């Protein structure tokens, strides 16, 4: 003789299944915006890998910024959709993405010849000064330290660094920030 399951047990099982399915759909929706922004920022690492010139790099960065839109508004909307115990990870993700975008934006000022062995430090606009270097180091904790190109007395311009070196350091920093954001997005997707 078969025993029948009580209707209330069947109803509870169905309700649990429905809530689980609905919950996972809402989670996918919350993650979609976060993944969209992270993916757009990742496009810049592809541009860097391909080796774009300054004009192409600036154009692509503008395209990415337009694609993302108002990142602060995106963060506000996405963060409030997540449960309170996950919001810090969402905020951290956006912080890494904003840092990456900012580093890419700053890097536009540092396009220069990276074949510094062939450059004359007195000819051309291939270097920048200590004041700017210190400001960038303060703005981007963990930014790679650069080798001094020339160390003139202050009256002759002071310490100088190669622009191409800073370009590479900022791109590396931005790529690392984007990868940290990607890992956080993946963690949020696994919960």
Protein backbone atom coordinates (compact mmCIF):
# COMPACT_ATOMS: atom_id res chain seq x y z
CA UNK A 1 0.00 0.00 0.00
CA UNK A 2 1.36 3.41 -0.97
CA UNK A 3 1.39 6.15 1.51
CA UNK A 4 0.27 9.49 0.21
CA UNK A 5 2.09 12.66 1.09
CA UNK A 6 -0.07 15.18 2.89
CA UNK A 7 -1.07 18.15 0.79
CA UNK A 8 0.57 20.60 3.16
CA UNK A 9 3.94 18.84 2.73
CA UNK A 10 3.56 18.91 -1.06
CA UNK A 11 2.65 22.60 -0.85
CA UNK A 12 5.69 23.33 1.33
CA UNK A 13 8.00 21.55 -1.11
CA UNK A 14 6.51 23.46 -4.06
CA UNK A 15 6.77 26.76 -2.21
CA UNK A 16 10.41 26.10 -1.30
CA UNK A 17 11.20 25.24 -4.93
CA UNK A 18 9.48 28.41 -6.16
CA UNK A 19 11.23 30.66 -3.64
CA UNK A 20 14.60 29.15 -4.50
CA UNK A 21 14.03 29.63 -8.22
CA UNK A 22 12.72 33.17 -7.72
CA UNK A 23 15.63 33.98 -5.40
CA UNK A 24 18.24 32.80 -7.88
CA UNK A 25 16.57 34.87 -10.63
CA UNK A 26 16.71 38.00 -8.46
CA UNK A 27 20.37 37.28 -7.68
CA UNK A 28 21.12 37.03 -11.41
CA UNK A 29 19.42 40.37 -11.95
CA UNK A 30 21.45 42.00 -9.16
CA UNK A 31 24.67 40.59 -10.57
CA UNK A 32 23.91 41.57 -14.17
CA UNK A 33 24.57 45.30 -13.66
CA UNK A 34 27.71 44.62 -11.68
CA UNK A 35 28.98 42.27 -14.39
CA UNK A 36 28.10 44.81 -17.08
CA UNK A 37 30.27 47.49 -15.46
CA UNK A 38 33.13 45.10 -14.71
CA UNK A 39 33.05 43.82 -18.30
CA UNK A 40 33.21 47.38 -19.66
CA UNK A 41 36.23 48.17 -17.51
CA UNK A 42 37.84 44.91 -18.67
CA UNK A 43 37.62 46.19 -22.25
CA UNK A 44 40.35 48.68 -21.38
CA UNK A 45 42.77 45.91 -20.46
CA UNK A 46 42.15 44.46 -23.91
CA UNK A 47 42.91 47.85 -25.48
CA UNK A 48 46.14 48.03 -23.48
CA UNK A 49 47.15 44.51 -24.51
CA UNK A 50 46.59 45.32 -28.19
CA UNK A 51 48.81 48.40 -27.87
CA UNK A 52 46.68 51.33 -28.89
CA UNK A 53 48.19 54.73 -29.57
CA UNK A 54 47.18 57.75 -27.47
CA UNK A 55 44.31 58.86 -29.71
CA UNK A 56 42.84 55.35 -29.98
CA UNK A 57 43.28 54.75 -26.26
CA UNK A 58 41.49 58.02 -25.39
CA UNK A 59 38.66 57.23 -27.80
CA UNK A 60 38.19 53.73 -26.37
CA UNK A 61 38.29 55.03 -22.80
CA UNK A 62 35.59 57.56 -23.68
CA UNK A 63 33.53 54.75 -25.23
CA UNK A 64 33.87 52.66 -22.06
CA UNK A 65 32.90 55.59 -19.83
CA UNK A 66 29.84 56.26 -22.00
CA UNK A 67 28.92 52.58 -21.94
CA UNK A 68 29.11 52.51 -18.14
CA UNK A 69 27.21 55.74 -17.63
CA UNK A 70 26.87 57.16 -14.13
CA UNK A 71 28.91 54.67 -12.10
CA UNK A 72 27.87 56.23 -8.78
CA UNK A 73 24.20 55.78 -9.66
CA UNK A 74 24.89 52.21 -10.74
CA UNK A 75 26.63 51.50 -7.44
CA UNK A 76 23.78 52.98 -5.43
CA UNK A 77 21.14 50.96 -7.28
CA UNK A 78 23.07 47.69 -7.20
CA UNK A 79 24.22 47.95 -3.58
CA UNK A 80 20.72 48.43 -2.22
CA UNK A 81 19.48 45.34 -4.08
CA UNK A 82 21.90 43.05 -2.27
CA UNK A 83 21.34 41.68 1.22
CA UNK A 84 23.06 43.75 3.90
CA UNK A 85 25.66 41.06 4.60
CA UNK A 86 26.87 41.25 0.95
CA UNK A 87 26.82 45.02 0.44
CA UNK A 88 30.41 45.56 1.54
CA UNK A 89 31.61 43.24 -1.25
CA UNK A 90 29.52 45.18 -3.76
CA UNK A 91 30.95 48.49 -2.52
CA UNK A 92 34.48 47.05 -2.66
CA UNK A 93 33.87 45.90 -6.22
CA UNK A 94 32.82 49.36 -7.32
CA UNK A 95 35.78 50.93 -5.47
CA UNK A 96 38.18 48.71 -7.47
CA UNK A 97 36.38 49.52 -10.73
CA UNK A 98 36.49 53.28 -10.07
CA UNK A 99 40.21 53.09 -9.22
CA UNK A 100 40.87 51.19 -12.44
CA UNK A 101 38.97 53.73 -14.53
CA UNK A 102 40.72 56.61 -12.81
CA UNK A 103 44.15 55.06 -13.40
CA UNK A 104 43.32 54.53 -17.08
CA UNK A 105 42.18 58.15 -17.30
CA UNK A 106 45.38 59.43 -15.66
CA UNK A 107 47.49 57.30 -17.97
CA UNK A 108 46.45 59.38 -20.99
CA UNK A 109 48.99 62.01 -19.88
CA UNK A 110 51.91 59.58 -19.96
CA UNK A 111 52.08 58.31 -23.50
CA UNK A 112 55.67 58.49 -24.55
CA UNK A 113 58.37 56.42 -26.07
CA UNK A 114 59.20 53.41 -23.91
CA UNK A 115 62.53 52.89 -25.67
CA UNK A 116 64.20 55.25 -23.22
CA UNK A 117 67.71 54.04 -24.00
CA UNK A 118 67.44 55.85 -27.33
CA UNK A 119 65.95 59.07 -25.93
CA UNK A 120 67.74 62.26 -25.07
CA UNK A 121 66.37 63.53 -21.73
CA UNK A 122 67.06 67.10 -22.87
CA UNK A 123 65.08 66.75 -26.10
CA UNK A 124 61.33 66.16 -26.22
CA UNK A 125 58.58 65.74 -23.67
CA UNK A 126 59.39 62.27 -22.40
CA UNK A 127 59.69 62.95 -18.68
CA UNK A 128 57.73 64.35 -15.74
CA UNK A 129 58.71 65.67 -12.33
CA UNK A 130 58.88 64.47 -8.76
CA UNK A 131 55.84 66.46 -7.60
CA UNK A 132 53.53 64.69 -10.05
CA UNK A 133 55.18 61.36 -9.27
CA UNK A 134 54.58 61.79 -5.54
CA UNK A 135 50.95 62.80 -6.15
CA UNK A 136 50.33 59.67 -8.23
CA UNK A 137 52.00 57.45 -5.63
CA UNK A 138 49.71 58.97 -2.97
CA UNK A 139 46.60 58.56 -5.15
CA UNK A 140 47.25 54.93 -6.07
CA UNK A 141 48.45 52.88 -3.11
CA UNK A 142 50.57 50.02 -4.37
CA UNK A 143 51.48 51.76 -7.64
CA UNK A 144 54.80 50.41 -8.88
CA UNK A 145 57.78 52.56 -7.91
CA UNK A 146 59.67 53.94 -10.89
CA UNK A 147 63.35 54.22 -11.52
CA UNK A 148 64.62 57.80 -11.57
CA UNK A 149 65.45 58.88 -15.13
CA UNK A 150 67.59 61.86 -14.18
CA UNK A 151 68.32 63.57 -10.91
CA UNK A 152 69.05 67.21 -11.66
CA UNK A 153 69.59 69.88 -9.03
CA UNK A 154 66.29 71.62 -8.22
CA UNK A 155 67.26 74.76 -10.15
CA UNK A 156 67.61 72.61 -13.28
CA UNK A 157 64.27 70.85 -12.87
CA UNK A 158 64.92 68.32 -10.10
CA UNK A 159 64.21 64.61 -10.24
CA UNK A 160 62.54 63.33 -13.44
CA UNK A 161 60.87 60.07 -14.46
CA UNK A 162 60.10 58.59 -17.87
CA UNK A 163 56.48 59.04 -18.96
CA UNK A 164 56.43 55.63 -20.64
CA UNK A 165 57.33 53.98 -17.34
CA UNK A 166 54.43 55.67 -15.56
CA UNK A 167 52.09 54.72 -18.39
CA UNK A 168 52.98 51.07 -17.90
CA UNK A 169 52.72 51.34 -14.09
CA UNK A 170 49.25 52.92 -14.28
CA UNK A 171 48.03 50.30 -16.74
CA UNK A 172 49.33 47.54 -14.49
CA UNK A 173 47.64 49.12 -11.48
CA UNK A 174 44.34 49.47 -13.37
CA UNK A 175 44.51 45.88 -14.55
CA UNK A 176 45.12 44.64 -11.01
CA UNK A 177 42.17 46.67 -9.70
CA UNK A 178 39.90 45.29 -12.43
CA UNK A 179 41.00 41.73 -11.61
CA UNK A 180 40.23 42.26 -7.92
CA UNK A 181 36.78 43.52 -8.91
CA UNK A 182 36.28 40.49 -11.14
CA UNK A 183 37.13 38.12 -8.27
CA UNK A 184 34.60 39.87 -6.02
CA UNK A 185 31.90 39.62 -8.69
CA UNK A 186 32.63 35.91 -9.05
CA UNK A 187 32.40 35.47 -5.27
CA UNK A 188 29.05 37.24 -5.21
CA UNK A 189 27.87 35.00 -8.03
CA UNK A 190 28.66 31.86 -6.06
CA UNK A 191 26.57 32.75 -3.04
